[in-house]
Amino acid sequence: MTVTSLMTADELYRLPNDGNGYELERGELRKTMSPTGFQHGDVESEIGSSLRAYVKKHGLGKVVTGDVGFRLERNPDTVLGPDVAFVRAERVVNTHKYFEGPPDLAIEVVSPGDSYTEVEKKASDWLRYGTRAVIVVDPPRRGVRIHRPGETIDVADTITVDDIVPGWQLPLSEIFED
């Protein structure tokens, strides 16, 4: 019988930065990707800066970017990191480690190395752990989908999630500039 030791969120947090992204799924280390490409970073920045400016102006909470870790499960630990995340003001807890619990809104930008199946699984995982909505942005296809429990919609021209970030709107033309 082979005994495999599971990694904890604290051990993940202490890993040296080797330029790759890692997440933890039920104690198992998963490499998520090498550093992203320019287009991915541009789309992530556009969405993150729009959402952050709006949230800050209206005092709605915090927006984080760059695969910040959210501890979603303990013993064994699960830590996932979205490209962009929003947490409502009443839930914000400043910490140097991972945020305990899911973000209210997770945004995933599809990278060239991602399979759409992997991204869809991650969106399902976010929802299963309590994230209220997951926005999946696919730059090569110039498409956006919003996933909610029991519902997935394709965005035609403007991203809105009024029940989570009231009043915030982001036209797709601002994300997919030519």
C-alpha atoms as a PDB file:
ATOM      1  CA  MET A   1       0.000   0.000   0.000  1.00  0.00           C
ATOM      2  CA  THR A   2       1.370   3.403  -0.996  1.00  0.00           C
ATOM      3  CA  VAL A   3       0.625   6.303   1.287  1.00  0.00           C
ATOM      4  CA  THR A   4       0.604   9.690  -0.401  1.00  0.00           C
ATOM      5  CA  SER A   5       0.849  12.720   1.826  1.00  0.00           C
ATOM      6  CA  LEU A   6      -1.511  15.538   1.025  1.00  0.00           C
ATOM      7  CA  MET A   7      -0.362  19.136   0.911  1.00  0.00           C
ATOM      8  CA  THR A   8      -1.946  21.775   3.126  1.00  0.00           C
ATOM      9  CA  ALA A   9      -2.791  25.353   2.175  1.00  0.00           C
ATOM     10  CA  ASP A  10       0.025  26.556   4.461  1.00  0.00           C
ATOM     11  CA  GLU A  11       2.538  24.366   2.596  1.00  0.00           C
ATOM     12  CA  LEU A  12       1.244  25.662  -0.731  1.00  0.00           C
ATOM     13  CA  TYR A  13       1.615  29.226   0.520  1.00  0.00           C
ATOM     14  CA  ARG A  14       5.274  28.599   1.395  1.00  0.00           C
ATOM     15  CA  LEU A  15       6.222  27.142  -2.013  1.00  0.00           C
ATOM     16  CA  PRO A  16       8.912  29.186  -3.773  1.00  0.00           C
ATOM     17  CA  ASN A  17       7.737  31.252  -6.732  1.00  0.00           C
ATOM     18  CA  ASP A  18       9.002  29.367  -9.789  1.00  0.00           C
ATOM     19  CA  GLY A  19       7.005  31.379 -12.311  1.00  0.00           C
ATOM     20  CA  ASN A  20       4.225  28.799 -12.541  1.00  0.00           C
ATOM     21  CA  GLY A  21       0.776  28.928 -11.010  1.00  0.00           C
ATOM     22  CA  TYR A  22      -0.379  26.255  -8.581  1.00  0.00           C
ATOM     23  CA  GLU A  23      -3.652  25.393  -6.935  1.00  0.00           C
ATOM     24  CA  LEU A  24      -4.590  22.758  -4.409  1.00  0.00           C
ATOM     25  CA  GLU A  25      -7.473  20.379  -5.001  1.00  0.00           C
ATOM     26  CA  ARG A  26      -8.385  18.239  -1.996  1.00  0.00           C
ATOM     27  CA  GLY A  27      -4.766  18.312  -0.880  1.00  0.00           C
ATOM     28  CA  GLU A  28      -3.257  17.513  -4.289  1.00  0.00           C
ATOM     29  CA  LEU A  29      -0.968  20.068  -5.934  1.00  0.00           C
ATOM     30  CA  ARG A  30      -2.055  21.071  -9.433  1.00  0.00           C
ATOM     31  CA  LYS A  31       0.032  23.176 -11.795  1.00  0.00           C
ATOM     32  CA  THR A  32      -2.374  25.574 -13.443  1.00  0.00           C
ATOM     33  CA  MET A  33      -0.164  27.316 -15.972  1.00  0.00           C
ATOM     34  CA  SER A  34       3.068  28.937 -16.918  1.00  0.00           C
ATOM     35  CA  PRO A  35       3.092  32.734 -16.886  1.00  0.00           C
ATOM     36  CA  THR A  36       0.315  34.049 -19.114  1.00  0.00           C
ATOM     37  CA  GLY A  37       0.665  35.672 -22.510  1.00  0.00           C
ATOM     38  CA  PHE A  38       0.280  39.345 -23.329  1.00  0.00           C
ATOM     39  CA  GLN A  39      -3.330  39.175 -24.594  1.00  0.00           C
ATOM     40  CA  HIS A  40      -4.446  37.281 -21.480  1.00  0.00           C
ATOM     41  CA  GLY A  41      -2.792  39.895 -19.261  1.00  0.00           C
ATOM     42  CA  ASP A  42      -4.349  42.744 -21.224  1.00  0.00           C
ATOM     43  CA  VAL A  43      -7.867  41.284 -20.933  1.00  0.00           C
ATOM     44  CA  GLU A  44      -7.368  40.507 -17.235  1.00  0.00           C
ATOM     45  CA  SER A  45      -6.114  44.060 -16.600  1.00  0.00           C
ATOM     46  CA  GLU A  46      -9.006  45.641 -18.509  1.00  0.00           C
ATOM     47  CA  ILE A  47     -11.614  43.709 -16.544  1.00  0.00           C
ATOM     48  CA  GLY A  48      -9.840  44.059 -13.196  1.00  0.00           C
ATOM     49  CA  SER A  49      -9.262  47.802 -13.518  1.00  0.00           C
ATOM     50  CA  SER A  50     -12.858  48.484 -14.612  1.00  0.00           C
ATOM     51  CA  LEU A  51     -14.319  46.399 -11.797  1.00  0.00           C
ATOM     52  CA  ARG A  52     -11.869  47.718  -9.191  1.00  0.00           C
ATOM     53  CA  ALA A  53     -12.517  51.381 -10.032  1.00  0.00           C
ATOM     54  CA  TYR A  54     -16.278  50.878  -9.850  1.00  0.00           C
ATOM     55  CA  VAL A  55     -16.201  48.841  -6.624  1.00  0.00           C
ATOM     56  CA  LYS A  56     -13.839  51.300  -4.935  1.00  0.00           C
ATOM     57  CA  LYS A  57     -15.882  54.358  -5.983  1.00  0.00           C
ATOM     58  CA  HIS A  58     -19.054  52.820  -4.541  1.00  0.00           C
ATOM     59  CA  GLY A  59     -17.490  51.198  -1.452  1.00  0.00           C
ATOM     60  CA  LEU A  60     -18.780  47.760  -2.412  1.00  0.00           C
ATOM     61  CA  GLY A  61     -15.828  45.623  -1.313  1.00  0.00           C
ATOM     62  CA  LYS A  62     -12.484  44.499  -2.725  1.00  0.00           C
ATOM     63  CA  VAL A  63     -11.274  43.375  -6.133  1.00  0.00           C
ATOM     64  CA  VAL A  64      -8.107  41.311  -6.448  1.00  0.00           C
ATOM     65  CA  THR A  65      -6.237  40.121  -9.521  1.00  0.00           C
ATOM     66  CA  GLY A  66      -3.387  37.780 -10.337  1.00  0.00           C
ATOM     67  CA  ASP A  67      -4.616  34.400  -9.102  1.00  0.00           C
ATOM     68  CA  VAL A  68      -5.024  35.337  -5.426  1.00  0.00           C
ATOM     69  CA  GLY A  69      -5.687  32.172  -3.418  1.00  0.00           C
ATOM     70  CA  PHE A  70      -9.067  31.395  -1.864  1.00  0.00           C
ATOM     71  CA  ARG A  71      -9.149  28.488   0.610  1.00  0.00           C
ATOM     72  CA  LEU A  72     -12.387  26.713  -0.145  1.00  0.00           C
ATOM     73  CA  GLU A  73     -12.057  23.498   1.822  1.00  0.00           C
ATOM     74  CA  ARG A  74     -10.022  22.106   4.727  1.00  0.00           C
ATOM     75  CA  ASN A  75      -8.685  18.647   5.541  1.00  0.00           C
ATOM     76  CA  PRO A  76      -7.854  18.068   2.768  1.00  0.00           C
ATOM     77  CA  ASP A  77      -7.358  21.657   1.660  1.00  0.00           C
ATOM     78  CA  THR A  78      -8.563  23.153  -1.612  1.00  0.00           C
ATOM     79  CA  VAL A  79      -7.135  26.503  -2.753  1.00  0.00           C
ATOM     80  CA  LEU A  80      -8.104  28.006  -6.103  1.00  0.00           C
ATOM     81  CA  GLY A  81      -7.063  31.308  -7.630  1.00  0.00           C
ATOM     82  CA  PRO A  82      -9.164  33.188 -10.200  1.00  0.00           C
ATOM     83  CA  ASP A  83      -7.739  35.772 -12.584  1.00  0.00           C
ATOM     84  CA  VAL A  84     -10.001  38.439 -11.021  1.00  0.00           C
ATOM     85  CA  ALA A  85     -12.196  38.177  -7.918  1.00  0.00           C
ATOM     86  CA  PHE A  86     -14.657  40.382  -6.055  1.00  0.00           C
ATOM     87  CA  VAL A  87     -15.548  40.047  -2.361  1.00  0.00           C
ATOM     88  CA  ARG A  88     -18.409  42.096  -0.851  1.00  0.00           C
ATOM     89  CA  ALA A  89     -17.406  44.664   1.781  1.00  0.00           C
ATOM     90  CA  GLU A  90     -19.111  42.853   4.669  1.00  0.00           C
ATOM     91  CA  ARG A  91     -17.052  39.718   3.921  1.00  0.00           C
ATOM     92  CA  VAL A  92     -13.647  41.356   3.428  1.00  0.00           C
ATOM     93  CA  VAL A  93     -10.963  40.242   5.871  1.00  0.00           C
ATOM     94  CA  ASN A  94      -7.447  41.498   5.170  1.00  0.00           C
ATOM     95  CA  THR A  95      -4.941  38.692   5.495  1.00  0.00           C
ATOM     96  CA  HIS A  96      -1.434  37.974   4.278  1.00  0.00           C
ATOM     97  CA  LYS A  97      -2.452  34.397   3.541  1.00  0.00           C
ATOM     98  CA  TYR A  98      -5.300  32.961   1.518  1.00  0.00           C
ATOM     99  CA  PHE A  99      -8.807  34.356   1.822  1.00  0.00           C
ATOM    100  CA  GLU A 100     -11.012  31.937   3.760  1.00  0.00           C
ATOM    101  CA  GLY A 101     -14.025  31.058   1.626  1.00  0.00           C
ATOM    102  CA  PRO A 102     -15.085  31.784  -1.931  1.00  0.00           C
ATOM    103  CA  PRO A 103     -15.201  35.140  -3.683  1.00  0.00           C
ATOM    104  CA  ASP A 104     -18.667  36.466  -4.497  1.00  0.00           C
ATOM    105  CA  LEU A 105     -17.607  36.813  -8.142  1.00  0.00           C
ATOM    106  CA  ALA A 106     -14.789  34.933  -9.895  1.00  0.00           C
ATOM    107  CA  ILE A 107     -13.540  35.837 -13.358  1.00  0.00           C
ATOM    108  CA  GLU A 108     -11.510  33.381 -15.410  1.00  0.00           C
ATOM    109  CA  VAL A 109      -9.738  34.359 -18.634  1.00  0.00           C
ATOM    110  CA  VAL A 110      -9.121  31.430 -20.966  1.00  0.00           C
ATOM    111  CA  SER A 111      -5.440  31.064 -21.888  1.00  0.00           C
ATOM    112  CA  PRO A 112      -4.206  29.444 -25.108  1.00  0.00           C
ATOM    113  CA  GLY A 113      -2.990  26.426 -23.104  1.00  0.00           C
ATOM    114  CA  ASP A 114      -6.348  25.913 -21.337  1.00  0.00           C
ATOM    115  CA  SER A 115      -8.835  23.380 -22.576  1.00  0.00           C
ATOM    116  CA  TYR A 116     -12.378  24.674 -22.492  1.00  0.00           C
ATOM    117  CA  THR A 117     -13.308  21.559 -20.484  1.00  0.00           C
ATOM    118  CA  GLU A 118     -10.811  22.542 -17.760  1.00  0.00           C
ATOM    119  CA  VAL A 119     -12.164  26.094 -17.593  1.00  0.00           C
ATOM    120  CA  GLU A 120     -15.765  24.864 -17.445  1.00  0.00           C
ATOM    121  CA  LYS A 121     -14.800  22.465 -14.619  1.00  0.00           C
ATOM    122  CA  LYS A 122     -13.184  25.315 -12.702  1.00  0.00           C
ATOM    123  CA  ALA A 123     -16.328  27.448 -13.141  1.00  0.00           C
ATOM    124  CA  SER A 124     -18.383  24.541 -11.764  1.00  0.00           C
ATOM    125  CA  ASP A 125     -15.953  24.183  -8.861  1.00  0.00           C
ATOM    126  CA  TRP A 126     -16.271  27.868  -7.960  1.00  0.00           C
ATOM    127  CA  LEU A 127     -20.065  27.570  -7.929  1.00  0.00           C
ATOM    128  CA  ARG A 128     -19.972  24.350  -5.889  1.00  0.00           C
ATOM    129  CA  TYR A 129     -17.892  26.121  -3.219  1.00  0.00           C
ATOM    130  CA  GLY A 130     -20.324  29.050  -2.991  1.00  0.00           C
ATOM    131  CA  THR A 131     -19.215  31.670  -5.527  1.00  0.00           C
ATOM    132  CA  ARG A 132     -22.375  33.415  -6.699  1.00  0.00           C
ATOM    133  CA  ALA A 133     -21.284  33.872 -10.338  1.00  0.00           C
ATOM    134  CA  VAL A 134     -18.314  33.031 -12.537  1.00  0.00           C
ATOM    135  CA  ILE A 135     -17.528  35.046 -15.634  1.00  0.00           C
ATOM    136  CA  VAL A 136     -15.499  33.102 -18.218  1.00  0.00           C
ATOM    137  CA  VAL A 137     -13.812  35.272 -20.843  1.00  0.00           C
ATOM    138  CA  ASP A 138     -12.488  33.593 -23.998  1.00  0.00           C
ATOM    139  CA  PRO A 139     -10.288  36.096 -25.896  1.00  0.00           C
ATOM    140  CA  PRO A 140      -9.623  33.977 -29.024  1.00  0.00           C
ATOM    141  CA  ARG A 141     -13.374  33.447 -29.526  1.00  0.00           C
ATOM    142  CA  ARG A 142     -14.222  36.951 -28.312  1.00  0.00           C
ATOM    143  CA  GLY A 143     -16.860  35.367 -26.110  1.00  0.00           C
ATOM    144  CA  VAL A 144     -18.034  35.719 -22.520  1.00  0.00           C
ATOM    145  CA  ARG A 145     -20.231  33.396 -20.477  1.00  0.00           C
ATOM    146  CA  ILE A 146     -21.684  33.991 -17.039  1.00  0.00           C
ATOM    147  CA  HIS A 147     -22.168  30.858 -14.959  1.00  0.00           C
ATOM    148  CA  ARG A 148     -24.547  30.795 -12.011  1.00  0.00           C
ATOM    149  CA  PRO A 149     -25.998  27.864 -10.103  1.00  0.00           C
ATOM    150  CA  GLY A 150     -28.268  26.106 -12.606  1.00  0.00           C
ATOM    151  CA  GLU A 151     -27.740  28.678 -15.376  1.00  0.00           C
ATOM    152  CA  THR A 152     -25.178  29.678 -17.997  1.00  0.00           C
ATOM    153  CA  ILE A 153     -25.713  32.631 -20.306  1.00  0.00           C
ATOM    154  CA  ASP A 154     -23.711  33.917 -23.249  1.00  0.00           C
ATOM    155  CA  VAL A 155     -23.088  37.665 -23.040  1.00  0.00           C
ATOM    156  CA  ALA A 156     -24.084  39.506 -26.220  1.00  0.00           C
ATOM    157  CA  ASP A 157     -22.498  42.926 -25.702  1.00  0.00           C
ATOM    158  CA  THR A 158     -22.173  44.021 -22.033  1.00  0.00           C
ATOM    159  CA  ILE A 159     -21.156  42.191 -18.857  1.00  0.00           C
ATOM    160  CA  THR A 160     -23.460  42.892 -15.907  1.00  0.00           C
ATOM    161  CA  VAL A 161     -23.959  41.094 -12.594  1.00  0.00           C
ATOM    162  CA  ASP A 162     -26.318  43.537 -10.874  1.00  0.00           C
ATOM    163  CA  ASP A 163     -27.200  41.199  -8.003  1.00  0.00           C
ATOM    164  CA  ILE A 164     -23.507  41.005  -7.049  1.00  0.00           C
ATOM    165  CA  VAL A 165     -22.004  44.316  -8.214  1.00  0.00           C
ATOM    166  CA  PRO A 166     -25.005  46.644  -8.646  1.00  0.00           C
ATOM    167  CA  GLY A 167     -24.607  49.052 -11.548  1.00  0.00           C
ATOM    168  CA  TRP A 168     -21.266  47.790 -12.903  1.00  0.00           C
ATOM    169  CA  GLN A 169     -21.248  47.303 -16.649  1.00  0.00           C
ATOM    170  CA  LEU A 170     -18.409  46.417 -18.990  1.00  0.00           C
ATOM    171  CA  PRO A 171     -19.016  46.458 -22.758  1.00  0.00           C
ATOM    172  CA  LEU A 172     -17.294  43.600 -24.571  1.00  0.00           C
ATOM    173  CA  SER A 173     -15.885  46.181 -26.996  1.00  0.00           C
ATOM    174  CA  GLU A 174     -13.675  47.468 -24.138  1.00  0.00           C
ATOM    175  CA  ILE A 175     -12.298  43.969 -23.481  1.00  0.00           C
ATOM    176  CA  PHE A 176     -11.804  42.897 -27.074  1.00  0.00           C
ATOM    177  CA  GLU A 177     -10.385  46.054 -28.580  1.00  0.00           C
ATOM    178  CA  ASP A 178      -8.801  45.606 -32.003  1.00  0.00           C
END
